[in-house]
Amino acid sequence: MNMKTISGLSAVAALFAVLALPGVAYADGTCMATAMDKKLAGAAKSSFMKKCERDAAAVCSTTAADKKLSGAAKTSFTKKCVKDAVSG
């Protein structure tokens, strides 16, 4: 395997490790689905969604860095990655 493949695999492993943490999206991989499964509403749902989005943004940013993205490519990748993690 070359370094690019190893780096990509490391990023995927890190993403799965973070998604397996309590309080972070799991099951089907979206924050919204997890909030619905937990039957959260009101302030509890808002708080959960904000934390879940922050956690997703951190993972996506790390993944973008591992892929050596910068500028518009990094912004686009991170935005889509967070959107997918939050709402599916």
N, C-alpha and C. Protein backbone atom coordinates (compact mmCIF):
# COMPACT_ATOMS: atom_id res chain seq x y z
N MET A 1 0.83 -1.18 0.00
CA MET A 1 0.00 0.00 0.00
C MET A 1 0.88 1.25 0.00
N ASN A 2 0.42 2.26 -0.71
CA ASN A 2 1.17 3.50 -0.70
C ASN A 2 0.71 4.38 0.46
N MET A 3 1.40 5.47 0.72
CA MET A 3 1.10 6.36 1.85
C MET A 3 -0.27 7.00 1.74
N LYS A 4 -0.71 7.30 0.52
CA LYS A 4 -2.02 7.93 0.33
C LYS A 4 -3.13 6.97 0.76
N THR A 5 -3.00 5.71 0.42
CA THR A 5 -3.99 4.71 0.81
C THR A 5 -4.00 4.52 2.32
N ILE A 6 -2.82 4.45 2.92
CA ILE A 6 -2.72 4.28 4.37
C ILE A 6 -3.32 5.49 5.08
N SER A 7 -3.06 6.69 4.59
CA SER A 7 -3.61 7.90 5.18
C SER A 7 -5.13 7.90 5.09
N GLY A 8 -5.67 7.49 3.96
CA GLY A 8 -7.11 7.42 3.76
C GLY A 8 -7.75 6.41 4.70
N LEU A 9 -7.10 5.27 4.85
CA LEU A 9 -7.62 4.25 5.76
C LEU A 9 -7.58 4.73 7.21
N SER A 10 -6.54 5.47 7.56
CA SER A 10 -6.45 6.02 8.91
C SER A 10 -7.58 6.99 9.17
N ALA A 11 -7.90 7.82 8.20
CA ALA A 11 -8.99 8.79 8.34
C ALA A 11 -10.32 8.09 8.52
N VAL A 12 -10.55 7.04 7.76
CA VAL A 12 -11.80 6.29 7.87
C VAL A 12 -11.88 5.62 9.24
N ALA A 13 -10.78 5.06 9.70
CA ALA A 13 -10.77 4.42 11.02
C ALA A 13 -11.05 5.44 12.12
N ALA A 14 -10.47 6.63 12.00
CA ALA A 14 -10.71 7.69 12.99
C ALA A 14 -12.17 8.12 12.98
N LEU A 15 -12.77 8.22 11.80
CA LEU A 15 -14.18 8.60 11.70
C LEU A 15 -15.06 7.57 12.40
N PHE A 16 -14.82 6.29 12.15
CA PHE A 16 -15.61 5.25 12.79
C PHE A 16 -15.39 5.23 14.30
N ALA A 17 -14.18 5.50 14.74
CA ALA A 17 -13.90 5.53 16.17
C ALA A 17 -14.68 6.66 16.84
N VAL A 18 -14.73 7.82 16.23
CA VAL A 18 -15.46 8.95 16.81
C VAL A 18 -16.96 8.70 16.75
N LEU A 19 -17.45 8.13 15.66
CA LEU A 19 -18.88 7.88 15.54
C LEU A 19 -19.36 6.83 16.52
N ALA A 20 -18.46 6.03 17.07
CA ALA A 20 -18.85 5.00 18.02
C ALA A 20 -18.92 5.54 19.45
N LEU A 21 -18.49 6.78 19.67
CA LEU A 21 -18.51 7.36 21.00
C LEU A 21 -19.93 7.72 21.42
N PRO A 22 -20.25 7.59 22.69
CA PRO A 22 -21.58 8.01 23.17
C PRO A 22 -21.77 9.50 22.92
N GLY A 23 -22.96 9.88 22.53
CA GLY A 23 -23.24 11.30 22.30
C GLY A 23 -22.95 11.75 20.88
N VAL A 24 -22.31 10.89 20.11
CA VAL A 24 -22.02 11.20 18.72
C VAL A 24 -22.90 10.31 17.87
N ALA A 25 -23.21 10.79 16.69
CA ALA A 25 -24.09 10.02 15.81
C ALA A 25 -23.59 8.59 15.65
N TYR A 26 -24.50 7.67 15.76
CA TYR A 26 -24.17 6.27 15.55
C TYR A 26 -25.39 5.59 14.99
N ALA A 27 -25.44 4.30 15.01
CA ALA A 27 -26.51 3.51 14.40
C ALA A 27 -26.47 3.72 12.90
N ASP A 28 -27.28 4.63 12.35
CA ASP A 28 -27.26 4.83 10.90
C ASP A 28 -26.32 5.96 10.50
N GLY A 29 -25.66 6.58 11.47
CA GLY A 29 -24.63 7.57 11.17
C GLY A 29 -25.09 9.01 11.07
N THR A 30 -26.29 9.35 11.51
CA THR A 30 -26.69 10.75 11.45
C THR A 30 -27.13 11.24 12.82
N CYS A 31 -26.85 12.49 13.08
CA CYS A 31 -27.24 13.11 14.35
C CYS A 31 -28.76 13.15 14.48
N MET A 32 -29.44 13.53 13.40
CA MET A 32 -30.89 13.66 13.45
C MET A 32 -31.56 12.32 13.77
N ALA A 33 -31.12 11.26 13.12
CA ALA A 33 -31.70 9.94 13.37
C ALA A 33 -31.46 9.51 14.81
N THR A 34 -30.29 9.80 15.32
CA THR A 34 -29.98 9.43 16.70
C THR A 34 -30.85 10.21 17.67
N ALA A 35 -31.03 11.50 17.41
CA ALA A 35 -31.89 12.33 18.27
C ALA A 35 -33.32 11.79 18.25
N MET A 36 -33.78 11.38 17.08
CA MET A 36 -35.13 10.83 16.97
C MET A 36 -35.23 9.50 17.71
N ASP A 37 -34.22 8.65 17.58
CA ASP A 37 -34.21 7.36 18.27
C ASP A 37 -34.25 7.55 19.78
N LYS A 38 -33.56 8.59 20.25
CA LYS A 38 -33.53 8.87 21.69
C LYS A 38 -34.76 9.66 22.14
N LYS A 39 -35.61 10.00 21.18
CA LYS A 39 -36.84 10.76 21.46
C LYS A 39 -36.54 12.09 22.15
N LEU A 40 -35.50 12.78 21.67
CA LEU A 40 -35.14 14.07 22.23
C LEU A 40 -36.02 15.16 21.66
N ALA A 41 -36.29 16.18 22.46
CA ALA A 41 -37.10 17.31 22.01
C ALA A 41 -36.64 18.56 22.75
N GLY A 42 -36.99 19.71 22.20
CA GLY A 42 -36.71 20.98 22.85
C GLY A 42 -35.23 21.24 23.07
N ALA A 43 -34.91 21.72 24.28
CA ALA A 43 -33.55 22.09 24.62
C ALA A 43 -32.59 20.90 24.58
N ALA A 44 -33.07 19.73 24.98
CA ALA A 44 -32.22 18.54 24.96
C ALA A 44 -31.82 18.20 23.53
N LYS A 45 -32.76 18.30 22.61
CA LYS A 45 -32.47 18.02 21.21
C LYS A 45 -31.51 19.06 20.64
N SER A 46 -31.76 20.33 20.95
CA SER A 46 -30.87 21.40 20.46
C SER A 46 -29.45 21.21 20.95
N SER A 47 -29.31 20.90 22.23
CA SER A 47 -27.99 20.68 22.81
C SER A 47 -27.30 19.48 22.17
N PHE A 48 -28.03 18.38 22.02
CA PHE A 48 -27.47 17.18 21.39
C PHE A 48 -27.03 17.48 19.96
N MET A 49 -27.87 18.17 19.20
CA MET A 49 -27.56 18.45 17.80
C MET A 49 -26.33 19.35 17.66
N LYS A 50 -26.20 20.35 18.54
CA LYS A 50 -25.04 21.24 18.50
C LYS A 50 -23.76 20.46 18.78
N LYS A 51 -23.80 19.60 19.82
CA LYS A 51 -22.61 18.82 20.16
C LYS A 51 -22.28 17.84 19.05
N CYS A 52 -23.29 17.20 18.51
CA CYS A 52 -23.08 16.23 17.45
C CYS A 52 -22.48 16.92 16.21
N GLU A 53 -22.98 18.10 15.89
CA GLU A 53 -22.45 18.84 14.74
C GLU A 53 -21.01 19.27 14.98
N ARG A 54 -20.69 19.72 16.21
CA ARG A 54 -19.30 20.09 16.54
C ARG A 54 -18.38 18.89 16.39
N ASP A 55 -18.82 17.75 16.91
CA ASP A 55 -18.00 16.53 16.82
C ASP A 55 -17.80 16.11 15.37
N ALA A 56 -18.86 16.20 14.57
CA ALA A 56 -18.76 15.85 13.15
C ALA A 56 -17.82 16.81 12.43
N ALA A 57 -17.90 18.09 12.76
CA ALA A 57 -17.02 19.08 12.12
C ALA A 57 -15.55 18.79 12.43
N ALA A 58 -15.27 18.38 13.65
CA ALA A 58 -13.89 18.06 14.03
C ALA A 58 -13.38 16.86 13.24
N VAL A 59 -14.20 15.83 13.13
CA VAL A 59 -13.81 14.63 12.39
C VAL A 59 -13.63 14.96 10.91
N CYS A 60 -14.55 15.72 10.36
CA CYS A 60 -14.48 16.07 8.93
C CYS A 60 -13.27 16.93 8.63
N SER A 61 -12.96 17.85 9.54
CA SER A 61 -11.80 18.71 9.36
C SER A 61 -10.51 17.89 9.39
N THR A 62 -10.44 16.93 10.30
CA THR A 62 -9.27 16.05 10.38
C THR A 62 -9.14 15.21 9.11
N THR A 63 -10.27 14.71 8.63
CA THR A 63 -10.27 13.91 7.41
C THR A 63 -9.81 14.74 6.23
N ALA A 64 -10.26 15.99 6.14
CA ALA A 64 -9.84 16.89 5.06
C ALA A 64 -8.33 17.14 5.13
N ALA A 65 -7.82 17.32 6.34
CA ALA A 65 -6.38 17.53 6.51
C ALA A 65 -5.60 16.28 6.10
N ASP A 66 -6.11 15.10 6.47
CA ASP A 66 -5.46 13.85 6.09
C ASP A 66 -5.43 13.68 4.57
N LYS A 67 -6.46 14.19 3.91
CA LYS A 67 -6.51 14.13 2.45
C LYS A 67 -5.73 15.25 1.80
N LYS A 68 -5.14 16.11 2.65
CA LYS A 68 -4.33 17.24 2.18
C LYS A 68 -5.14 18.21 1.31
N LEU A 69 -6.39 18.41 1.69
CA LEU A 69 -7.25 19.36 0.98
C LEU A 69 -7.01 20.75 1.53
N SER A 70 -7.18 21.76 0.67
CA SER A 70 -7.05 23.13 1.13
C SER A 70 -7.96 24.02 0.29
N GLY A 71 -8.19 25.22 0.78
CA GLY A 71 -9.00 26.18 0.05
C GLY A 71 -10.43 25.72 -0.16
N ALA A 72 -10.92 25.96 -1.38
CA ALA A 72 -12.30 25.64 -1.72
C ALA A 72 -12.59 24.14 -1.62
N ALA A 73 -11.62 23.31 -1.97
CA ALA A 73 -11.83 21.86 -1.90
C ALA A 73 -12.05 21.42 -0.45
N LYS A 74 -11.27 21.98 0.48
CA LYS A 74 -11.42 21.65 1.90
C LYS A 74 -12.77 22.14 2.41
N THR A 75 -13.13 23.36 2.06
CA THR A 75 -14.41 23.93 2.50
C THR A 75 -15.58 23.10 2.00
N SER A 76 -15.54 22.76 0.73
CA SER A 76 -16.62 21.97 0.12
C SER A 76 -16.71 20.59 0.76
N PHE A 77 -15.57 19.93 0.90
CA PHE A 77 -15.55 18.60 1.50
C PHE A 77 -16.09 18.63 2.93
N THR A 78 -15.60 19.58 3.73
CA THR A 78 -16.00 19.67 5.13
C THR A 78 -17.49 19.97 5.26
N LYS A 79 -17.99 20.89 4.44
CA LYS A 79 -19.40 21.25 4.49
C LYS A 79 -20.29 20.05 4.17
N LYS A 80 -19.94 19.30 3.13
CA LYS A 80 -20.74 18.13 2.75
C LYS A 80 -20.63 17.04 3.81
N CYS A 81 -19.44 16.83 4.31
CA CYS A 81 -19.21 15.80 5.33
C CYS A 81 -20.05 16.08 6.58
N VAL A 82 -20.05 17.32 7.05
CA VAL A 82 -20.84 17.68 8.24
C VAL A 82 -22.32 17.54 7.95
N LYS A 83 -22.76 18.01 6.78
CA LYS A 83 -24.17 17.91 6.41
C LYS A 83 -24.62 16.45 6.42
N ASP A 84 -23.81 15.58 5.85
CA ASP A 84 -24.14 14.16 5.80
C ASP A 84 -24.20 13.55 7.20
N ALA A 85 -23.29 13.96 8.06
CA ALA A 85 -23.25 13.43 9.43
C ALA A 85 -24.44 13.92 10.25
N VAL A 86 -24.86 15.15 10.00
CA VAL A 86 -25.93 15.73 10.80
C VAL A 86 -27.30 15.27 10.33
N SER A 87 -27.54 15.34 9.03
CA SER A 87 -28.90 15.05 8.56
C SER A 87 -29.02 13.84 7.64
N GLY A 88 -27.92 13.30 7.24
CA GLY A 88 -27.97 12.10 6.41
C GLY A 88 -28.05 12.36 5.01
